[in-house]
């Protein structure tokens, strides 16, 4: 079985991913966005908040996810 760190190291730049990782207080959080790069200790994900650098040692899970849904059409008033 491939570990989350191994998955990230082999992922192609531009792939949409979600990465669950531990934060300083011990809780977990998710980073959802487009995979940018990974080295032996960190990976970078481009999220809506900007580039997030994540320590691979703190990654709990990671997987590829489908593209976001198309935007819904806006409702217009019938005046």
PDB file of N, CA and C in Angstrom:
ATOM      1  N   UNK A   1       0.830  -1.183   0.000  1.00  0.00           N
ATOM      2  CA  UNK A   1       0.000   0.000   0.000  1.00  0.00           C
ATOM      3  C   UNK A   1       0.879   1.252   0.000  1.00  0.00           C
ATOM      4  N   UNK A   2       0.480   2.238  -0.760  1.00  0.00           N
ATOM      5  CA  UNK A   2       1.238   3.483  -0.884  1.00  0.00           C
ATOM      6  C   UNK A   2       0.895   4.410   0.283  1.00  0.00           C
ATOM      7  N   UNK A   3       1.908   4.944   0.929  1.00  0.00           N
ATOM      8  CA  UNK A   3       1.671   5.885   2.025  1.00  0.00           C
ATOM      9  C   UNK A   3       1.266   7.244   1.447  1.00  0.00           C
ATOM     10  N   UNK A   4       0.632   8.108   2.267  1.00  0.00           N
ATOM     11  CA  UNK A   4       0.271   9.438   1.774  1.00  0.00           C
ATOM     12  C   UNK A   4       1.493  10.232   1.275  1.00  0.00           C
ATOM     13  N   UNK A   5       2.611  10.126   1.969  1.00  0.00           N
ATOM     14  CA  UNK A   5       3.820  10.841   1.542  1.00  0.00           C
ATOM     15  C   UNK A   5       4.311  10.323   0.192  1.00  0.00           C
ATOM     16  N   UNK A   6       4.285   9.004  -0.001  1.00  0.00           N
ATOM     17  CA  UNK A   6       4.700   8.432  -1.285  1.00  0.00           C
ATOM     18  C   UNK A   6       3.759   8.880  -2.404  1.00  0.00           C
ATOM     19  N   UNK A   7       2.455   8.909  -2.112  1.00  0.00           N
ATOM     20  CA  UNK A   7       1.488   9.389  -3.098  1.00  0.00           C
ATOM     21  C   UNK A   7       1.829  10.814  -3.522  1.00  0.00           C
ATOM     22  N   UNK A   8       2.082  11.688  -2.547  1.00  0.00           N
ATOM     23  CA  UNK A   8       2.364  13.091  -2.869  1.00  0.00           C
ATOM     24  C   UNK A   8       3.667  13.240  -3.649  1.00  0.00           C
ATOM     25  N   UNK A   9       4.673  12.477  -3.303  1.00  0.00           N
ATOM     26  CA  UNK A   9       5.953  12.564  -4.013  1.00  0.00           C
ATOM     27  C   UNK A   9       5.830  12.128  -5.466  1.00  0.00           C
ATOM     28  N   UNK A  10       4.851  11.270  -5.767  1.00  0.00           N
ATOM     29  CA  UNK A  10       4.696  10.782  -7.135  1.00  0.00           C
ATOM     30  C   UNK A  10       3.590  11.504  -7.912  1.00  0.00           C
ATOM     31  N   UNK A  11       2.926  12.450  -7.285  1.00  0.00           N
ATOM     32  CA  UNK A  11       1.819  13.154  -7.926  1.00  0.00           C
ATOM     33  C   UNK A  11       2.333  14.206  -8.904  1.00  0.00           C
ATOM     34  N   UNK A  12       1.623  14.364  -9.997  1.00  0.00           N
ATOM     35  CA  UNK A  12       1.977  15.334 -11.031  1.00  0.00           C
ATOM     36  C   UNK A  12       1.484  16.725 -10.653  1.00  0.00           C
ATOM     37  N   UNK A  13       2.302  17.716 -10.896  1.00  0.00           N
ATOM     38  CA  UNK A  13       1.905  19.102 -10.642  1.00  0.00           C
ATOM     39  C   UNK A  13       0.625  19.416 -11.405  1.00  0.00           C
ATOM     40  N   UNK A  14      -0.313  20.105 -10.728  1.00  0.00           N
ATOM     41  CA  UNK A  14      -1.584  20.463 -11.345  1.00  0.00           C
ATOM     42  C   UNK A  14      -2.716  19.512 -11.004  1.00  0.00           C
ATOM     43  N   UNK A  15      -2.414  18.400 -10.334  1.00  0.00           N
ATOM     44  CA  UNK A  15      -3.440  17.452  -9.914  1.00  0.00           C
ATOM     45  C   UNK A  15      -4.202  18.039  -8.731  1.00  0.00           C
ATOM     46  N   UNK A  16      -5.532  17.933  -8.749  1.00  0.00           N
ATOM     47  CA  UNK A  16      -6.336  18.444  -7.637  1.00  0.00           C
ATOM     48  C   UNK A  16      -6.308  17.395  -6.527  1.00  0.00           C
ATOM     49  N   UNK A  17      -5.943  17.820  -5.316  1.00  0.00           N
ATOM     50  CA  UNK A  17      -5.774  16.906  -4.190  1.00  0.00           C
ATOM     51  C   UNK A  17      -6.399  17.481  -2.926  1.00  0.00           C
ATOM     52  N   UNK A  18      -6.619  16.582  -1.966  1.00  0.00           N
ATOM     53  CA  UNK A  18      -6.920  16.990  -0.596  1.00  0.00           C
ATOM     54  C   UNK A  18      -5.878  16.306   0.274  1.00  0.00           C
ATOM     55  N   UNK A  19      -5.277  17.092   1.186  1.00  0.00           N
ATOM     56  CA  UNK A  19      -4.230  16.586   2.068  1.00  0.00           C
ATOM     57  C   UNK A  19      -4.666  16.845   3.506  1.00  0.00           C
ATOM     58  N   UNK A  20      -4.838  15.786   4.285  1.00  0.00           N
ATOM     59  CA  UNK A  20      -5.168  15.931   5.712  1.00  0.00           C
ATOM     60  C   UNK A  20      -3.859  15.852   6.478  1.00  0.00           C
ATOM     61  N   UNK A  21      -3.634  16.862   7.328  1.00  0.00           N
ATOM     62  CA  UNK A  21      -2.378  16.914   8.076  1.00  0.00           C
ATOM     63  C   UNK A  21      -2.607  17.492   9.460  1.00  0.00           C
ATOM     64  N   UNK A  22      -1.668  17.194  10.362  1.00  0.00           N
ATOM     65  CA  UNK A  22      -1.743  17.686  11.731  1.00  0.00           C
ATOM     66  C   UNK A  22      -1.247  19.119  11.810  1.00  0.00           C
ATOM     67  N   UNK A  23      -1.916  19.910  12.666  1.00  0.00           N
ATOM     68  CA  UNK A  23      -1.443  21.271  12.934  1.00  0.00           C
ATOM     69  C   UNK A  23      -0.818  21.285  14.326  1.00  0.00           C
ATOM     70  N   UNK A  24      -0.235  22.411  14.715  1.00  0.00           N
ATOM     71  CA  UNK A  24       0.575  22.485  15.933  1.00  0.00           C
ATOM     72  C   UNK A  24      -0.136  22.037  17.206  1.00  0.00           C
ATOM     73  N   UNK A  25      -1.443  22.245  17.309  1.00  0.00           N
ATOM     74  CA  UNK A  25      -2.142  21.867  18.545  1.00  0.00           C
ATOM     75  C   UNK A  25      -2.588  20.403  18.554  1.00  0.00           C
ATOM     76  N   UNK A  26      -2.202  19.627  17.531  1.00  0.00           N
ATOM     77  CA  UNK A  26      -2.517  18.212  17.482  1.00  0.00           C
ATOM     78  C   UNK A  26      -3.777  17.863  16.716  1.00  0.00           C
ATOM     79  N   UNK A  27      -4.583  18.867  16.377  1.00  0.00           N
ATOM     80  CA  UNK A  27      -5.775  18.613  15.575  1.00  0.00           C
ATOM     81  C   UNK A  27      -5.373  18.446  14.114  1.00  0.00           C
ATOM     82  N   UNK A  28      -6.296  17.914  13.318  1.00  0.00           N
ATOM     83  CA  UNK A  28      -6.048  17.727  11.891  1.00  0.00           C
ATOM     84  C   UNK A  28      -6.837  18.762  11.095  1.00  0.00           C
ATOM     85  N   UNK A  29      -6.307  19.117   9.936  1.00  0.00           N
ATOM     86  CA  UNK A  29      -6.983  20.024   9.025  1.00  0.00           C
ATOM     87  C   UNK A  29      -6.752  19.534   7.606  1.00  0.00           C
ATOM     88  N   UNK A  30      -7.587  20.003   6.694  1.00  0.00           N
ATOM     89  CA  UNK A  30      -7.456  19.620   5.290  1.00  0.00           C
ATOM     90  C   UNK A  30      -6.984  20.797   4.455  1.00  0.00           C
ATOM     91  N   UNK A  31      -6.141  20.515   3.491  1.00  0.00           N
ATOM     92  CA  UNK A  31      -5.746  21.484   2.480  1.00  0.00           C
ATOM     93  C   UNK A  31      -6.237  20.946   1.148  1.00  0.00           C
ATOM     94  N   UNK A  32      -7.134  21.696   0.505  1.00  0.00           N
ATOM     95  CA  UNK A  32      -7.732  21.268  -0.752  1.00  0.00           C
ATOM     96  C   UNK A  32      -7.289  22.234  -1.834  1.00  0.00           C
ATOM     97  N   UNK A  33      -6.737  21.696  -2.911  1.00  0.00           N
ATOM     98  CA  UNK A  33      -6.296  22.551  -3.999  1.00  0.00           C
ATOM     99  C   UNK A  33      -5.501  21.766  -5.021  1.00  0.00           C
ATOM    100  N   UNK A  34      -4.670  22.471  -5.740  1.00  0.00           N
ATOM    101  CA  UNK A  34      -3.889  21.870  -6.814  1.00  0.00           C
ATOM    102  C   UNK A  34      -2.465  21.629  -6.338  1.00  0.00           C
ATOM    103  N   UNK A  35      -2.031  20.380  -6.478  1.00  0.00           N
ATOM    104  CA  UNK A  35      -0.685  19.995  -6.071  1.00  0.00           C
ATOM    105  C   UNK A  35       0.337  20.782  -6.869  1.00  0.00           C
ATOM    106  N   UNK A  36       1.337  21.291  -6.178  1.00  0.00           N
ATOM    107  CA  UNK A  36       2.371  22.087  -6.843  1.00  0.00           C
ATOM    108  C   UNK A  36       3.675  21.295  -6.937  1.00  0.00           C
ATOM    109  N   UNK A  37       4.230  20.889  -5.793  1.00  0.00           N
ATOM    110  CA  UNK A  37       5.489  20.135  -5.799  1.00  0.00           C
ATOM    111  C   UNK A  37       5.703  19.460  -4.460  1.00  0.00           C
ATOM    112  N   UNK A  38       6.656  18.525  -4.434  1.00  0.00           N
ATOM    113  CA  UNK A  38       7.048  17.844  -3.192  1.00  0.00           C
ATOM    114  C   UNK A  38       8.524  17.499  -3.255  1.00  0.00           C
ATOM    115  N   UNK A  39       9.159  17.539  -2.078  1.00  0.00           N
ATOM    116  CA  UNK A  39      10.536  17.055  -1.972  1.00  0.00           C
ATOM    117  C   UNK A  39      10.546  15.990  -0.886  1.00  0.00           C
ATOM    118  N   UNK A  40      11.667  15.722  -0.277  1.00  0.00           N
ATOM    119  CA  UNK A  40      11.739  14.649   0.716  1.00  0.00           C
ATOM    120  C   UNK A  40      11.044  14.988   2.034  1.00  0.00           C
ATOM    121  N   UNK A  41      10.812  16.287   2.314  1.00  0.00           N
ATOM    122  CA  UNK A  41      10.258  16.662   3.622  1.00  0.00           C
ATOM    123  C   UNK A  41       8.969  17.469   3.561  1.00  0.00           C
ATOM    124  N   UNK A  42       8.672  18.118   2.445  1.00  0.00           N
ATOM    125  CA  UNK A  42       7.505  19.001   2.360  1.00  0.00           C
ATOM    126  C   UNK A  42       6.792  18.841   1.020  1.00  0.00           C
ATOM    127  N   UNK A  43       5.533  19.278   1.004  1.00  0.00           N
ATOM    128  CA  UNK A  43       4.809  19.407  -0.261  1.00  0.00           C
ATOM    129  C   UNK A  43       4.126  20.770  -0.262  1.00  0.00           C
ATOM    130  N   UNK A  44       3.767  21.232  -1.439  1.00  0.00           N
ATOM    131  CA  UNK A  44       3.116  22.534  -1.591  1.00  0.00           C
ATOM    132  C   UNK A  44       1.821  22.324  -2.364  1.00  0.00           C
ATOM    133  N   UNK A  45       0.726  22.871  -1.807  1.00  0.00           N
ATOM    134  CA  UNK A  45      -0.590  22.794  -2.427  1.00  0.00           C
ATOM    135  C   UNK A  45      -1.094  24.220  -2.626  1.00  0.00           C
ATOM    136  N   UNK A  46      -1.562  24.522  -3.843  1.00  0.00           N
ATOM    137  CA  UNK A  46      -2.127  25.839  -4.149  1.00  0.00           C
ATOM    138  C   UNK A  46      -3.609  25.791  -3.804  1.00  0.00           C
ATOM    139  N   UNK A  47      -3.988  26.447  -2.697  1.00  0.00           N
ATOM    140  CA  UNK A  47      -5.370  26.477  -2.238  1.00  0.00           C
ATOM    141  C   UNK A  47      -5.980  27.843  -2.541  1.00  0.00           C
ATOM    142  N   UNK A  48      -7.254  28.022  -2.205  1.00  0.00           N
ATOM    143  CA  UNK A  48      -7.896  29.328  -2.390  1.00  0.00           C
ATOM    144  C   UNK A  48      -7.231  30.403  -1.535  1.00  0.00           C
ATOM    145  N   UNK A  49      -6.593  29.991  -0.429  1.00  0.00           N
ATOM    146  CA  UNK A  49      -5.923  30.939   0.469  1.00  0.00           C
ATOM    147  C   UNK A  49      -4.490  31.227   0.046  1.00  0.00           C
ATOM    148  N   UNK A  50      -4.011  30.544  -0.990  1.00  0.00           N
ATOM    149  CA  UNK A  50      -2.639  30.723  -1.452  1.00  0.00           C
ATOM    150  C   UNK A  50      -1.863  29.423  -1.337  1.00  0.00           C
ATOM    151  N   UNK A  51      -0.551  29.505  -1.509  1.00  0.00           N
ATOM    152  CA  UNK A  51       0.295  28.314  -1.428  1.00  0.00           C
ATOM    153  C   UNK A  51       0.454  27.876   0.029  1.00  0.00           C
ATOM    154  N   UNK A  52       0.231  26.602   0.291  1.00  0.00           N
ATOM    155  CA  UNK A  52       0.412  26.044   1.628  1.00  0.00           C
ATOM    156  C   UNK A  52       1.528  25.009   1.579  1.00  0.00           C
ATOM    157  N   UNK A  53       2.532  25.197   2.418  1.00  0.00           N
ATOM    158  CA  UNK A  53       3.628  24.244   2.535  1.00  0.00           C
ATOM    159  C   UNK A  53       3.330  23.332   3.712  1.00  0.00           C
ATOM    160  N   UNK A  54       3.352  22.029   3.470  1.00  0.00           N
ATOM    161  CA  UNK A  54       2.950  21.039   4.469  1.00  0.00           C
ATOM    162  C   UNK A  54       4.104  20.074   4.691  1.00  0.00           C
ATOM    163  N   UNK A  55       4.440  19.819   5.961  1.00  0.00           N
ATOM    164  CA  UNK A  55       5.464  18.827   6.285  1.00  0.00           C
ATOM    165  C   UNK A  55       4.916  17.436   6.002  1.00  0.00           C
ATOM    166  N   UNK A  56       5.644  16.654   5.240  1.00  0.00           N
ATOM    167  CA  UNK A  56       5.194  15.301   4.918  1.00  0.00           C
ATOM    168  C   UNK A  56       5.072  14.433   6.165  1.00  0.00           C
ATOM    169  N   UNK A  57       5.878  14.690   7.185  1.00  0.00           N
ATOM    170  CA  UNK A  57       5.809  13.910   8.422  1.00  0.00           C
ATOM    171  C   UNK A  57       4.483  14.125   9.149  1.00  0.00           C
ATOM    172  N   UNK A  58       3.788  15.229   8.864  1.00  0.00           N
ATOM    173  CA  UNK A  58       2.513  15.527   9.523  1.00  0.00           C
ATOM    174  C   UNK A  58       1.299  15.144   8.684  1.00  0.00           C
ATOM    175  N   UNK A  59       1.530  14.585   7.497  1.00  0.00           N
ATOM    176  CA  UNK A  59       0.423  14.200   6.616  1.00  0.00           C
ATOM    177  C   UNK A  59      -0.180  12.885   7.109  1.00  0.00           C
ATOM    178  N   UNK A  60      -1.502  12.894   7.292  1.00  0.00           N
ATOM    179  CA  UNK A  60      -2.241  11.708   7.734  1.00  0.00           C
ATOM    180  C   UNK A  60      -2.810  10.965   6.527  1.00  0.00           C
ATOM    181  N   UNK A  61      -3.332  11.728   5.559  1.00  0.00           N
ATOM    182  CA  UNK A  61      -3.964  11.130   4.381  1.00  0.00           C
ATOM    183  C   UNK A  61      -3.861  12.106   3.223  1.00  0.00           C
ATOM    184  N   UNK A  62      -3.879  11.574   2.015  1.00  0.00           N
ATOM    185  CA  UNK A  62      -3.851  12.407   0.813  1.00  0.00           C
ATOM    186  C   UNK A  62      -4.449  11.608  -0.332  1.00  0.00           C
ATOM    187  N   UNK A  63      -5.229  12.291  -1.172  1.00  0.00           N
ATOM    188  CA  UNK A  63      -5.784  11.617  -2.336  1.00  0.00           C
ATOM    189  C   UNK A  63      -6.116  12.618  -3.420  1.00  0.00           C
ATOM    190  N   UNK A  64      -6.212  12.102  -4.639  1.00  0.00           N
ATOM    191  CA  UNK A  64      -6.642  12.907  -5.776  1.00  0.00           C
ATOM    192  C   UNK A  64      -8.152  13.050  -5.699  1.00  0.00           C
ATOM    193  N   UNK A  65      -8.648  14.219  -6.076  1.00  0.00           N
ATOM    194  CA  UNK A  65     -10.088  14.456  -6.082  1.00  0.00           C
ATOM    195  C   UNK A  65     -10.499  15.004  -7.442  1.00  0.00           C
ATOM    196  N   UNK A  66     -11.773  14.871  -7.797  1.00  0.00           N
ATOM    197  CA  UNK A  66     -12.230  15.351  -9.102  1.00  0.00           C
ATOM    198  C   UNK A  66     -12.234  16.876  -9.171  1.00  0.00           C
ATOM    199  N   UNK A  67     -12.331  17.411 -10.388  1.00  0.00           N
ATOM    200  CA  UNK A  67     -12.387  18.863 -10.538  1.00  0.00           C
ATOM    201  C   UNK A  67     -13.621  19.433  -9.837  1.00  0.00           C
ATOM    202  N   UNK A  68     -13.574  20.708  -9.494  1.00  0.00           N
ATOM    203  CA  UNK A  68     -14.738  21.315  -8.835  1.00  0.00           C
ATOM    204  C   UNK A  68     -15.932  21.349  -9.782  1.00  0.00           C
ATOM    205  N   UNK A  69     -17.153  21.352  -9.235  1.00  0.00           N
ATOM    206  CA  UNK A  69     -18.333  21.420 -10.099  1.00  0.00           C
ATOM    207  C   UNK A  69     -18.402  22.768 -10.813  1.00  0.00           C
ATOM    208  N   UNK A  70     -19.088  22.762 -11.939  1.00  0.00           N
ATOM    209  CA  UNK A  70     -19.275  24.012 -12.684  1.00  0.00           C
ATOM    210  C   UNK A  70     -20.130  24.968 -11.849  1.00  0.00           C
ATOM    211  N   UNK A  71     -19.887  26.264 -11.968  1.00  0.00           N
ATOM    212  CA  UNK A  71     -20.698  27.220 -11.210  1.00  0.00           C
ATOM    213  C   UNK A  71     -22.171  27.139 -11.630  1.00  0.00           C
ATOM    214  N   UNK A  72     -23.037  27.311 -10.664  1.00  0.00           N
ATOM    215  CA  UNK A  72     -24.465  27.319 -10.957  1.00  0.00           C
ATOM    216  C   UNK A  72     -24.843  28.652 -11.579  1.00  0.00           C
ATOM    217  N   UNK A  73     -25.808  28.632 -12.502  1.00  0.00           N
ATOM    218  CA  UNK A  73     -26.273  29.904 -13.060  1.00  0.00           C
ATOM    219  C   UNK A  73     -26.971  30.717 -11.980  1.00  0.00           C
ATOM    220  N   UNK A  74     -26.812  32.012 -12.034  1.00  0.00           N
ATOM    221  CA  UNK A  74     -27.444  32.897 -11.050  1.00  0.00           C
ATOM    222  C   UNK A  74     -28.923  33.034 -11.366  1.00  0.00           C
ATOM    223  N   UNK A  75     -29.691  33.092 -10.316  1.00  0.00           N
ATOM    224  CA  UNK A  75     -31.130  33.319 -10.492  1.00  0.00           C
ATOM    225  C   UNK A  75     -31.347  34.789 -10.863  1.00  0.00           C
ATOM    226  N   UNK A  76     -32.219  35.027 -11.806  1.00  0.00           N
ATOM    227  CA  UNK A  76     -32.514  36.408 -12.215  1.00  0.00           C
ATOM    228  C   UNK A  76     -33.954  36.723 -11.821  1.00  0.00           C
ATOM    229  N   UNK A  77     -34.167  37.967 -11.495  1.00  0.00           N
ATOM    230  CA  UNK A  77     -35.540  38.367 -11.148  1.00  0.00           C
ATOM    231  C   UNK A  77     -36.349  38.537 -12.432  1.00  0.00           C
ATOM    232  N   UNK A  78     -37.622  38.251 -12.371  1.00  0.00           N
ATOM    233  CA  UNK A  78     -38.479  38.335 -13.551  1.00  0.00           C
ATOM    234  C   UNK A  78     -39.280  39.618 -13.528  1.00  0.00           C
ATOM    235  N   UNK A  79     -38.585  40.733 -13.518  1.00  0.00           N
ATOM    236  CA  UNK A  79     -39.249  42.042 -13.497  1.00  0.00           C
ATOM    237  C   UNK A  79     -39.482  42.542 -14.879  1.00  0.00           C
TER     238      UNK A  79
END
